[in-house]
Amino acid sequence: MATTDTDAEPEQRTGALGYEQARDELIEVVRRLEAGGTSLEQSLALWERGEELAKVCRRWLDGARERLNAALATDEPAED
């Protein structure tokens, strides 16, 4: 039996996504959920995918925050 993308573990499906890709896909997931018209099973799958994508975005944003804080810390003069 062939393995589909949805058969992969969440980390395998989202781990290689960049921030913009994850954000754009998350926007689409939210749009589809808000539009309705999906079965309960489809809605749950969309919700789970949205949670995975939100975690990817959070990791990217946390990493960016750490990089900014590190850059700002190196720019501050040393206290005597």
C-alpha atoms as a PDB file:
ATOM      1  CA  MET A   1       0.000   0.000   0.000  1.00  0.00           C
ATOM      2  CA  ALA A   2       1.355   3.433  -0.935  1.00  0.00           C
ATOM      3  CA  THR A   3       2.022   5.918   1.816  1.00  0.00           C
ATOM      4  CA  THR A   4       0.352   9.296   1.399  1.00  0.00           C
ATOM      5  CA  ASP A   5       1.418  12.582   2.911  1.00  0.00           C
ATOM      6  CA  THR A   6      -1.363  12.304   5.468  1.00  0.00           C
ATOM      7  CA  ASP A   7      -0.028   8.896   6.584  1.00  0.00           C
ATOM      8  CA  ALA A   8       3.264  10.480   7.662  1.00  0.00           C
ATOM      9  CA  GLU A   9       3.915  11.556  11.214  1.00  0.00           C
ATOM     10  CA  PRO A  10       3.074  15.234  11.852  1.00  0.00           C
ATOM     11  CA  GLU A  11       6.749  16.195  12.195  1.00  0.00           C
ATOM     12  CA  GLN A  12       7.513  14.667   8.816  1.00  0.00           C
ATOM     13  CA  ARG A  13       4.667  16.586   7.185  1.00  0.00           C
ATOM     14  CA  THR A  14       5.476  19.953   8.750  1.00  0.00           C
ATOM     15  CA  GLY A  15       9.155  19.817   9.697  1.00  0.00           C
ATOM     16  CA  ALA A  16      10.471  21.054   6.358  1.00  0.00           C
ATOM     17  CA  LEU A  17       7.981  23.907   5.995  1.00  0.00           C
ATOM     18  CA  GLY A  18       9.189  27.460   6.105  1.00  0.00           C
ATOM     19  CA  TYR A  19       7.299  30.063   8.093  1.00  0.00           C
ATOM     20  CA  GLU A  20       5.538  31.575   5.090  1.00  0.00           C
ATOM     21  CA  GLN A  21       4.481  28.168   3.758  1.00  0.00           C
ATOM     22  CA  ALA A  22       3.097  27.095   7.130  1.00  0.00           C
ATOM     23  CA  ARG A  23       1.336  30.438   7.626  1.00  0.00           C
ATOM     24  CA  ASP A  24      -0.255  30.346   4.178  1.00  0.00           C
ATOM     25  CA  GLU A  25      -1.445  26.767   4.616  1.00  0.00           C
ATOM     26  CA  LEU A  26      -2.791  27.643   8.087  1.00  0.00           C
ATOM     27  CA  ILE A  27      -4.749  30.538   6.581  1.00  0.00           C
ATOM     28  CA  GLU A  28      -6.257  28.136   4.049  1.00  0.00           C
ATOM     29  CA  VAL A  29      -7.157  25.622   6.775  1.00  0.00           C
ATOM     30  CA  VAL A  30      -8.919  28.334   8.779  1.00  0.00           C
ATOM     31  CA  ARG A  31     -10.743  29.554   5.669  1.00  0.00           C
ATOM     32  CA  ARG A  32     -12.000  26.041   4.939  1.00  0.00           C
ATOM     33  CA  LEU A  33     -13.103  25.494   8.532  1.00  0.00           C
ATOM     34  CA  GLU A  34     -14.924  28.820   8.621  1.00  0.00           C
ATOM     35  CA  ALA A  35     -16.630  28.110   5.300  1.00  0.00           C
ATOM     36  CA  GLY A  36     -18.134  24.915   6.689  1.00  0.00           C
ATOM     37  CA  GLY A  37     -19.633  22.249   4.506  1.00  0.00           C
ATOM     38  CA  THR A  38     -17.151  19.586   5.556  1.00  0.00           C
ATOM     39  CA  SER A  39     -17.907  16.382   7.388  1.00  0.00           C
ATOM     40  CA  LEU A  40     -17.039  15.997  11.037  1.00  0.00           C
ATOM     41  CA  GLU A  41     -14.097  13.763  10.107  1.00  0.00           C
ATOM     42  CA  GLN A  42     -12.807  16.297   7.552  1.00  0.00           C
ATOM     43  CA  SER A  43     -13.230  19.122  10.033  1.00  0.00           C
ATOM     44  CA  LEU A  44     -11.266  17.218  12.674  1.00  0.00           C
ATOM     45  CA  ALA A  45      -8.492  16.469  10.179  1.00  0.00           C
ATOM     46  CA  LEU A  46      -8.350  20.141   9.203  1.00  0.00           C
ATOM     47  CA  TRP A  47      -8.276  21.189  12.862  1.00  0.00           C
ATOM     48  CA  GLU A  48      -5.404  18.778  13.582  1.00  0.00           C
ATOM     49  CA  ARG A  49      -3.479  20.042  10.558  1.00  0.00           C
ATOM     50  CA  GLY A  50      -4.069  23.603  11.704  1.00  0.00           C
ATOM     51  CA  GLU A  51      -2.661  22.766  15.140  1.00  0.00           C
ATOM     52  CA  GLU A  52       0.461  21.261  13.525  1.00  0.00           C
ATOM     53  CA  LEU A  53       0.906  24.319  11.312  1.00  0.00           C
ATOM     54  CA  ALA A  54       0.428  26.693  14.235  1.00  0.00           C
ATOM     55  CA  LYS A  55       3.226  24.868  16.091  1.00  0.00           C
ATOM     56  CA  VAL A  56       5.519  25.245  13.076  1.00  0.00           C
ATOM     57  CA  CYS A  57       4.774  28.975  12.936  1.00  0.00           C
ATOM     58  CA  ARG A  58       5.358  29.309  16.675  1.00  0.00           C
ATOM     59  CA  ARG A  59       8.748  27.544  16.400  1.00  0.00           C
ATOM     60  CA  TRP A  60       9.807  29.898  13.583  1.00  0.00           C
ATOM     61  CA  LEU A  61       8.666  32.973  15.514  1.00  0.00           C
ATOM     62  CA  ASP A  62      10.339  31.808  18.729  1.00  0.00           C
ATOM     63  CA  GLY A  63      13.563  31.208  16.803  1.00  0.00           C
ATOM     64  CA  ALA A  64      13.375  34.644  15.235  1.00  0.00           C
ATOM     65  CA  ARG A  65      12.785  36.206  18.656  1.00  0.00           C
ATOM     66  CA  GLU A  66      15.830  34.392  20.062  1.00  0.00           C
ATOM     67  CA  ARG A  67      17.988  35.595  17.162  1.00  0.00           C
ATOM     68  CA  LEU A  68      16.805  39.182  17.639  1.00  0.00           C
ATOM     69  CA  ASN A  69      17.438  39.040  21.380  1.00  0.00           C
ATOM     70  CA  ALA A  70      20.925  37.623  20.785  1.00  0.00           C
ATOM     71  CA  ALA A  71      21.687  40.337  18.225  1.00  0.00           C
ATOM     72  CA  LEU A  72      20.423  43.050  20.562  1.00  0.00           C
ATOM     73  CA  ALA A  73      22.432  41.625  23.455  1.00  0.00           C
ATOM     74  CA  THR A  74      25.666  41.836  21.455  1.00  0.00           C
ATOM     75  CA  ASP A  75      24.908  45.464  20.547  1.00  0.00           C
ATOM     76  CA  GLU A  76      24.469  46.564  24.170  1.00  0.00           C
ATOM     77  CA  PRO A  77      27.499  48.148  25.803  1.00  0.00           C
ATOM     78  CA  ALA A  78      29.033  46.140  28.634  1.00  0.00           C
ATOM     79  CA  GLU A  79      28.189  47.403  32.107  1.00  0.00           C
ATOM     80  CA  ASP A  80      31.117  48.263  34.363  1.00  0.00           C
END
